[in-house]
Structures are given as C-alpha cells and as structure tokens.
C-alpha cells in the first residue's frame, strides 16, 4: 500500500564530514555544487591575486582591481569622504580606508549583513530603495559623521578652556540596537517613495563614490540550505547569463549614477563595475554629461574570461544638468 503525502529522504554525507537528510532531486544538486566548489577552489589556489589577498589580510582579490585603477587614475587622497555601494565583503572599503587616512571617512552600503573592515561605517539595506538612499544621504549630510576627529594632543595650558585633548570619537549605538531601529528610522527619513525629492537628498559632501554592485535574481533552488546564515538575495551575485547580468548591472549603475549626481562634490570621482553589453555605450554618454573625463577599464587583476569592466568618471562638472545626466528619470 502506498502512503500518500510521504516523502522518501536520503542521508547525504558532505565533504566536510557533515550529513543531512535530503530529497532525491537534491542529491544531484549537491553533487553539482560540490564539483563546482572543487573547481573554484582549484582556480583560487592557482590565482596569484587570491593568494596575495590572503597574505595581505584583504577581504578578497577584488581589492587589487581598485588598487590598479587608483594607480592609473589617482582616485584617492588623504581625508576624503568615500561611499562604497555593494561593499561586502569589504575589500574595496579596506583600500579606501588605507588611502584616505588620516581623517578620511568611508561608508559602506549593502543588502546583506557583513562584518565591516576596521574604520568603515556601514548601512545594511537595498540600495535600490528610495528610502534607503534617503537614509544614506541623511547620514552623509554631516561631513564629520563617521569620521574620527583628531584634536590637539598637547596638554591644555589654559585652565578656563573647555577643550578636550586626545581623540574625540562619535558615540554610536551597538550593532544590535542599530539593527532593531534601522527599519523604523529608514521609514521616518524616507516616508513614501513618491515623496523623496531632490531637496531631501542632502548636500554634496562626498569626494568618491564606488559601486561594485551586481544585480540579484530570483531564487529557484537551495531554499533548504543556509537560508538564514547565508542569505541568497544579495547584491554580489552573477547568474552566468551574460544578457541577464548586463541588464541588471545597467540598472544598478544608473542608480549609482543618480546617487552620485546628488552627493558628489564638484571635482569628485566615480568608479562603477558593469557587465559589458548593448547598453553600456548609452551609460557612458550619461557619465560624460556629469564628469569631465570618463574611462573604460578592465584591470589586470580582472579575470580574462569575465565580462566585467569598470567606468571611471573623473572630476564632476560644477554645471552638470540633471536631465542630461539622467534623461529617463
């Protein structure tokens, strides 16, 4: 007699020694993922940038792409204010902190939670949300927020003075407290998406905007594994389908460009990853409306088989016209 509604489960042993109960169709998925993981590990072991990233304590090999771009175009200076969109795991933010010290400010934004590198302020949220963008820009409005203030180290000889010696560091809530209040704060700042205006977007206080975002796509498999500890929906995914990756990257690049129009100082710079395709020429024309010089680069550390490339916009124009930069907004 066949029992209706009863599923057959099999025990699968993973290479790590763990075992779990899975359905028959998931056994094939596990074997494919294991094979793909082995190939990835072999490629990483042979890659000199991956090895060098480990030796230097960098979050990923992507740091070398930004370092090579900076060597050529001199993006960073001491004391700059930098925003890193899609910062996780944090290698670009590490580079930005290193090259803007002392007194630099680096703010990272990403949809997934990640441990920020030392010296980086981070905001978790979907950057495509107008409310999240408004919250980020409110944070940036004060040019000293997120920046360590170095005061006079010498002993104060005036007994009536109220000056403070040493370091003055902005006090902030703990991580858990910030997570609890983030949603309500974003709602208060952003309100309805229709109400976010140019005026609400804040003053231009940023020197460099970095965007290493890639578009996420709908999840179709893998719901049964690591749904909490390893979130699937993230801004760092690629699908392996060139058309889908290109279309998604164009949307994110234009969102980053609009953000840059709102926050970048005159003379500020912009670095944006994109996937090459039919629409990137149109994006390049938009960039040329905002920046004096625009370069298209594929750093040496970018894998030759990858479709990724980078737009570098140098020196924001003081008289850029919004309708020319963002004609479809």
Protein backbone atom coordinates (compact mmCIF):
# COMPACT_ATOMS: atom_id res chain seq x y z
CA UNK A 1 0.00 0.00 0.00
CA UNK A 2 1.38 3.38 -1.00
CA UNK A 3 1.22 6.09 1.64
CA UNK A 4 0.09 9.40 0.17
CA UNK A 5 1.98 12.52 1.17
CA UNK A 6 5.03 10.64 2.49
CA UNK A 7 8.37 11.74 1.02
CA UNK A 8 11.41 9.50 0.75
CA UNK A 9 14.51 11.09 2.28
CA UNK A 10 18.12 10.03 1.92
CA UNK A 11 21.08 10.79 4.14
CA UNK A 12 23.88 12.62 2.31
CA UNK A 13 27.43 12.99 3.64
CA UNK A 14 29.20 16.22 2.72
CA UNK A 15 32.99 16.53 2.13
CA UNK A 16 33.19 18.45 5.40
CA UNK A 17 32.01 15.38 7.32
CA UNK A 18 28.54 16.80 7.95
CA UNK A 19 25.47 14.81 6.99
CA UNK A 20 21.89 15.84 6.32
CA UNK A 21 18.61 14.39 5.10
CA UNK A 22 17.69 15.37 1.53
CA UNK A 23 15.16 14.53 -1.16
CA UNK A 24 16.27 12.53 -4.23
CA UNK A 25 16.40 15.57 -6.53
CA UNK A 26 18.65 17.37 -4.05
CA UNK A 27 21.34 14.66 -4.23
CA UNK A 28 22.15 15.65 -7.82
CA UNK A 29 22.18 19.33 -6.84
CA UNK A 30 24.62 18.58 -4.00
CA UNK A 31 26.98 16.68 -6.32
CA UNK A 32 26.95 19.50 -8.88
CA UNK A 33 27.64 22.10 -6.20
CA UNK A 34 30.47 20.03 -4.74
CA UNK A 35 32.08 19.63 -8.18
CA UNK A 36 31.72 23.36 -8.88
CA UNK A 37 33.18 24.18 -5.46
CA UNK A 38 36.19 21.95 -6.15
CA UNK A 39 36.86 23.71 -9.46
CA UNK A 40 36.54 27.11 -7.77
CA UNK A 41 38.97 26.09 -5.01
CA UNK A 42 41.48 24.82 -7.58
CA UNK A 43 41.26 28.07 -9.54
CA UNK A 44 41.67 30.15 -6.38
CA UNK A 45 44.74 28.14 -5.34
CA UNK A 46 46.45 28.90 -8.66
CA UNK A 47 45.46 32.58 -8.75
CA UNK A 48 48.24 34.87 -7.54
CA UNK A 49 45.85 37.69 -6.60
CA UNK A 50 43.81 35.36 -4.39
CA UNK A 51 46.97 34.16 -2.64
CA UNK A 52 48.27 37.71 -2.25
CA UNK A 53 44.93 38.87 -0.81
CA UNK A 54 45.22 36.23 1.93
CA UNK A 55 48.81 37.20 2.73
CA UNK A 56 47.92 40.90 2.97
CA UNK A 57 44.77 40.34 5.02
CA UNK A 58 42.43 41.64 2.33
CA UNK A 59 38.80 40.53 2.24
CA UNK A 60 39.04 39.41 -1.41
CA UNK A 61 41.11 39.66 -4.59
CA UNK A 62 38.79 42.47 -5.79
CA UNK A 63 40.95 44.88 -3.77
CA UNK A 64 43.64 44.66 -6.45
CA UNK A 65 41.22 45.86 -9.13
CA UNK A 66 40.63 49.10 -7.23
CA UNK A 67 44.31 49.46 -6.38
CA UNK A 68 45.23 49.15 -10.06
CA UNK A 69 42.54 51.66 -11.05
CA UNK A 70 43.84 54.08 -8.43
CA UNK A 71 47.45 53.64 -9.53
CA UNK A 72 46.43 54.77 -13.01
CA UNK A 73 43.84 57.47 -12.27
CA UNK A 74 44.73 58.75 -8.75
CA UNK A 75 41.21 58.48 -7.33
CA UNK A 76 42.00 58.76 -3.62
CA UNK A 77 43.54 61.48 -1.45
CA UNK A 78 44.02 61.90 2.29
CA UNK A 79 40.94 62.98 4.24
CA UNK A 80 38.37 62.18 1.55
CA UNK A 81 34.77 61.12 2.13
CA UNK A 82 34.05 57.85 0.26
CA UNK A 83 30.85 55.82 -0.25
CA UNK A 84 31.21 52.15 -1.24
CA UNK A 85 27.97 50.75 -2.73
CA UNK A 86 27.75 46.95 -2.55
CA UNK A 87 30.72 46.92 -0.17
CA UNK A 88 30.51 43.29 1.07
CA UNK A 89 32.80 41.55 1.79
CA UNK A 90 34.71 44.82 2.18
CA UNK A 91 37.91 44.70 0.12
CA UNK A 92 37.21 47.99 -1.69
CA UNK A 93 36.39 49.64 1.63
CA UNK A 94 39.71 48.37 3.03
CA UNK A 95 41.54 50.05 0.14
CA UNK A 96 39.57 53.28 0.59
CA UNK A 97 40.33 53.43 4.33
CA UNK A 98 44.03 52.83 3.73
CA UNK A 99 44.30 55.52 1.03
CA UNK A 100 42.24 58.25 2.77
CA UNK A 101 43.82 58.08 6.23
CA UNK A 102 44.17 60.12 8.33
CA UNK A 103 40.76 61.72 8.87
CA UNK A 104 39.10 60.01 5.91
CA UNK A 105 35.52 58.76 6.02
CA UNK A 106 34.35 55.53 4.36
CA UNK A 107 30.67 54.50 4.38
CA UNK A 108 29.65 51.09 3.01
CA UNK A 109 26.15 50.09 1.89
CA UNK A 110 24.98 46.55 1.11
CA UNK A 111 21.82 44.46 1.21
CA UNK A 112 23.49 41.65 3.17
CA UNK A 113 24.94 41.84 6.68
CA UNK A 114 28.73 41.68 6.71
CA UNK A 115 31.42 42.47 9.25
CA UNK A 116 32.76 45.87 8.18
CA UNK A 117 36.51 46.40 7.87
CA UNK A 118 38.14 48.48 10.57
CA UNK A 119 37.45 52.18 10.07
CA UNK A 120 34.32 51.71 7.92
CA UNK A 121 30.78 52.80 8.82
CA UNK A 122 28.16 50.55 7.22
CA UNK A 123 24.44 50.66 6.45
CA UNK A 124 22.50 47.49 5.63
CA UNK A 125 19.71 47.94 3.10
CA UNK A 126 18.64 47.52 -0.51
CA UNK A 127 20.26 50.45 -2.31
CA UNK A 128 17.53 50.41 -4.97
CA UNK A 129 15.03 51.50 -2.31
CA UNK A 130 14.49 55.30 -2.34
CA UNK A 131 14.05 55.22 1.44
CA UNK A 132 17.44 53.56 1.91
CA UNK A 133 19.08 56.10 -0.40
CA UNK A 134 17.48 58.93 1.56
CA UNK A 135 18.75 57.43 4.82
CA UNK A 136 22.29 57.10 3.43
CA UNK A 137 22.24 60.70 2.25
CA UNK A 138 20.97 61.92 5.61
CA UNK A 139 23.93 60.12 7.22
CA UNK A 140 26.30 61.83 4.78
CA UNK A 141 24.82 65.30 5.23
CA UNK A 142 27.07 65.94 8.23
CA UNK A 143 30.60 65.79 6.75
CA UNK A 144 32.07 64.80 10.14
CA UNK A 145 29.72 61.90 10.84
CA UNK A 146 31.53 58.57 10.64
CA UNK A 147 34.89 60.31 10.77
CA UNK A 148 37.31 60.20 13.72
CA UNK A 149 38.06 63.73 14.87
CA UNK A 150 41.72 64.23 15.79
CA UNK A 151 42.13 67.06 18.27
CA UNK A 152 45.16 68.70 19.86
CA UNK A 153 47.35 66.15 21.66
CA UNK A 154 49.28 68.75 23.64
CA UNK A 155 48.34 69.50 27.20
CA UNK A 156 45.97 72.45 27.56
CA UNK A 157 47.65 75.31 29.44
CA UNK A 158 44.50 77.46 29.73
CA UNK A 159 42.63 76.46 32.94
CA UNK A 160 39.41 78.17 31.75
CA UNK A 161 39.32 76.38 28.40
CA UNK A 162 36.78 73.63 27.74
CA UNK A 163 38.91 71.97 25.04
CA UNK A 164 39.39 68.22 25.01
CA UNK A 165 42.75 66.57 24.38
CA UNK A 166 43.42 63.30 22.61
CA UNK A 167 40.78 61.68 20.38
CA UNK A 168 37.15 62.61 20.16
CA UNK A 169 35.17 59.72 18.71
CA UNK A 170 31.49 59.91 17.85
CA UNK A 171 29.45 57.70 20.16
CA UNK A 172 27.10 55.31 18.42
CA UNK A 173 24.59 52.58 19.22
CA UNK A 174 25.70 48.98 19.31
CA UNK A 175 25.19 46.75 16.27
CA UNK A 176 22.08 45.01 17.63
CA UNK A 177 20.47 48.31 18.64
CA UNK A 178 21.11 49.73 15.18
CA UNK A 179 19.60 46.64 13.55
CA UNK A 180 16.46 46.95 15.70
CA UNK A 181 15.91 50.61 14.87
CA UNK A 182 17.01 50.58 11.20
CA UNK A 183 13.62 49.86 9.63
CA UNK A 184 11.72 52.48 11.63
CA UNK A 185 14.45 55.09 11.07
CA UNK A 186 14.51 54.49 7.31
CA UNK A 187 10.73 54.81 7.17
CA UNK A 188 10.85 58.09 9.11
CA UNK A 189 13.55 59.51 6.86
CA UNK A 190 12.23 58.25 3.54
CA UNK A 191 8.48 58.24 4.01
CA UNK A 192 6.68 57.19 0.84
CA UNK A 193 8.85 56.58 -2.19
CA UNK A 194 6.89 59.18 -4.13
CA UNK A 195 7.86 61.89 -1.64
CA UNK A 196 11.66 61.61 -1.92
CA UNK A 197 12.68 64.83 -3.66
CA UNK A 198 16.00 66.28 -4.80
CA UNK A 199 15.95 68.67 -1.84
CA UNK A 200 15.61 65.75 0.60
CA UNK A 201 18.63 64.07 -0.90
CA UNK A 202 21.08 66.19 1.07
CA UNK A 203 24.11 68.33 0.39
CA UNK A 204 27.08 67.32 -1.73
CA UNK A 205 29.61 66.10 0.84
CA UNK A 206 31.20 63.08 -0.90
CA UNK A 207 34.53 63.01 -2.77
CA UNK A 208 34.37 59.48 -4.23
CA UNK A 209 31.51 57.07 -4.99
CA UNK A 210 32.43 53.42 -5.58
CA UNK A 211 29.95 50.87 -6.93
CA UNK A 212 30.83 47.18 -7.06
CA UNK A 213 27.20 46.07 -7.09
CA UNK A 214 25.82 43.25 -9.21
CA UNK A 215 22.14 42.54 -9.65
CA UNK A 216 20.49 39.74 -7.64
CA UNK A 217 17.94 37.43 -9.25
CA UNK A 218 15.01 35.34 -8.03
CA UNK A 219 15.90 32.24 -6.04
CA UNK A 220 14.74 28.97 -7.66
CA UNK A 221 16.75 26.36 -5.72
CA UNK A 222 18.59 25.89 -2.46
CA UNK A 223 15.78 27.01 -0.13
CA UNK A 224 16.55 24.11 2.21
CA UNK A 225 20.13 25.11 2.97
CA UNK A 226 21.60 28.08 4.85
CA UNK A 227 18.52 30.25 4.36
CA UNK A 228 19.37 32.24 7.48
CA UNK A 229 23.15 32.09 7.81
CA UNK A 230 23.91 32.56 4.10
CA UNK A 231 21.23 34.86 2.59
CA UNK A 232 20.63 34.17 -1.08
CA UNK A 233 19.29 37.58 -2.08
CA UNK A 234 22.35 39.77 -2.29
CA UNK A 235 23.89 42.46 -4.47
CA UNK A 236 27.03 40.44 -5.31
CA UNK A 237 25.53 37.62 -7.39
CA UNK A 238 26.04 36.88 -11.07
CA UNK A 239 23.86 34.40 -12.95
CA UNK A 240 26.30 33.21 -15.62
CA UNK A 241 23.86 34.52 -18.26
CA UNK A 242 25.52 37.49 -19.97
CA UNK A 243 22.27 39.20 -21.02
CA UNK A 244 20.75 38.98 -17.54
CA UNK A 245 23.95 40.17 -15.83
CA UNK A 246 24.33 43.07 -18.28
CA UNK A 247 20.73 44.29 -17.92
CA UNK A 248 20.87 44.08 -14.13
CA UNK A 249 24.21 45.85 -13.94
CA UNK A 250 22.93 48.74 -16.08
CA UNK A 251 20.07 49.33 -13.63
CA UNK A 252 22.47 49.36 -10.70
CA UNK A 253 24.97 51.61 -12.49
CA UNK A 254 22.26 54.15 -13.25
CA UNK A 255 21.08 54.04 -9.63
CA UNK A 256 24.68 54.67 -8.53
CA UNK A 257 24.98 57.47 -11.10
CA UNK A 258 21.84 59.19 -9.79
CA UNK A 259 23.17 58.87 -6.25
CA UNK A 260 26.47 60.40 -7.40
CA UNK A 261 24.64 63.30 -9.01
CA UNK A 262 23.01 64.01 -5.64
CA UNK A 263 26.01 63.67 -3.31
CA UNK A 264 29.30 64.16 -5.21
CA UNK A 265 31.18 67.40 -4.76
CA UNK A 266 32.39 69.33 -7.79
CA UNK A 267 35.64 67.60 -8.78
CA UNK A 268 34.55 64.30 -7.21
CA UNK A 269 35.19 60.88 -8.77
CA UNK A 270 33.10 57.79 -9.59
CA UNK A 271 34.13 54.13 -10.10
CA UNK A 272 31.47 51.66 -11.21
CA UNK A 273 31.60 47.99 -12.16
CA UNK A 274 29.41 46.92 -15.08
CA UNK A 275 28.92 43.92 -17.34
CA UNK A 276 29.59 44.70 -20.98
CA UNK A 277 26.71 44.65 -23.45
CA UNK A 278 24.49 46.66 -25.77
CA UNK A 279 23.52 49.38 -23.28
CA UNK A 280 26.91 50.38 -21.89
CA UNK A 281 27.53 52.99 -24.63
CA UNK A 282 24.40 54.87 -23.54
CA UNK A 283 25.57 54.77 -19.92
CA UNK A 284 28.98 56.09 -20.98
CA UNK A 285 27.28 59.07 -22.68
CA UNK A 286 25.39 59.82 -19.46
CA UNK A 287 28.62 59.69 -17.48
CA UNK A 288 30.23 62.18 -19.85
CA UNK A 289 27.46 64.66 -19.03
CA UNK A 290 28.46 64.57 -15.35
CA UNK A 291 32.24 64.11 -15.45
CA UNK A 292 34.99 65.94 -17.30
CA UNK A 293 36.71 62.67 -18.24
CA UNK A 294 35.34 59.12 -18.48
CA UNK A 295 37.48 56.00 -18.88
CA UNK A 296 36.51 52.40 -19.55
CA UNK A 297 38.93 49.97 -17.86
CA UNK A 298 39.48 46.25 -17.34
CA UNK A 299 42.20 45.94 -14.68
CA UNK A 300 44.89 43.30 -15.00
CA UNK A 301 43.52 41.51 -11.92
CA UNK A 302 40.08 41.11 -13.54
CA UNK A 303 39.75 37.58 -14.91
CA UNK A 304 40.13 37.47 -18.70
CA UNK A 305 37.02 35.30 -19.15
CA UNK A 306 34.84 37.72 -17.15
CA UNK A 307 32.55 40.22 -18.90
CA UNK A 308 33.06 42.75 -16.11
CA UNK A 309 34.65 46.13 -16.76
CA UNK A 310 34.76 49.47 -14.94
CA UNK A 311 33.74 53.02 -15.76
CA UNK A 312 35.86 55.69 -14.09
CA UNK A 313 34.36 59.19 -14.03
CA UNK A 314 36.88 61.87 -13.06
CA UNK A 315 36.20 65.41 -11.81
CA UNK A 316 32.47 66.05 -11.53
CA UNK A 317 31.37 69.11 -13.50
CA UNK A 318 30.01 72.03 -11.48
CA UNK A 319 27.35 72.86 -14.07
CA UNK A 320 26.02 69.38 -14.91
CA UNK A 321 22.32 69.34 -15.87
CA UNK A 322 20.19 66.64 -14.27
CA UNK A 323 18.03 65.99 -17.34
CA UNK A 324 21.15 65.42 -19.46
CA UNK A 325 22.75 63.06 -16.94
CA UNK A 326 19.54 61.19 -16.08
CA UNK A 327 17.27 61.61 -19.14
CA UNK A 328 14.84 58.81 -18.22
CA UNK A 329 14.29 59.79 -14.55
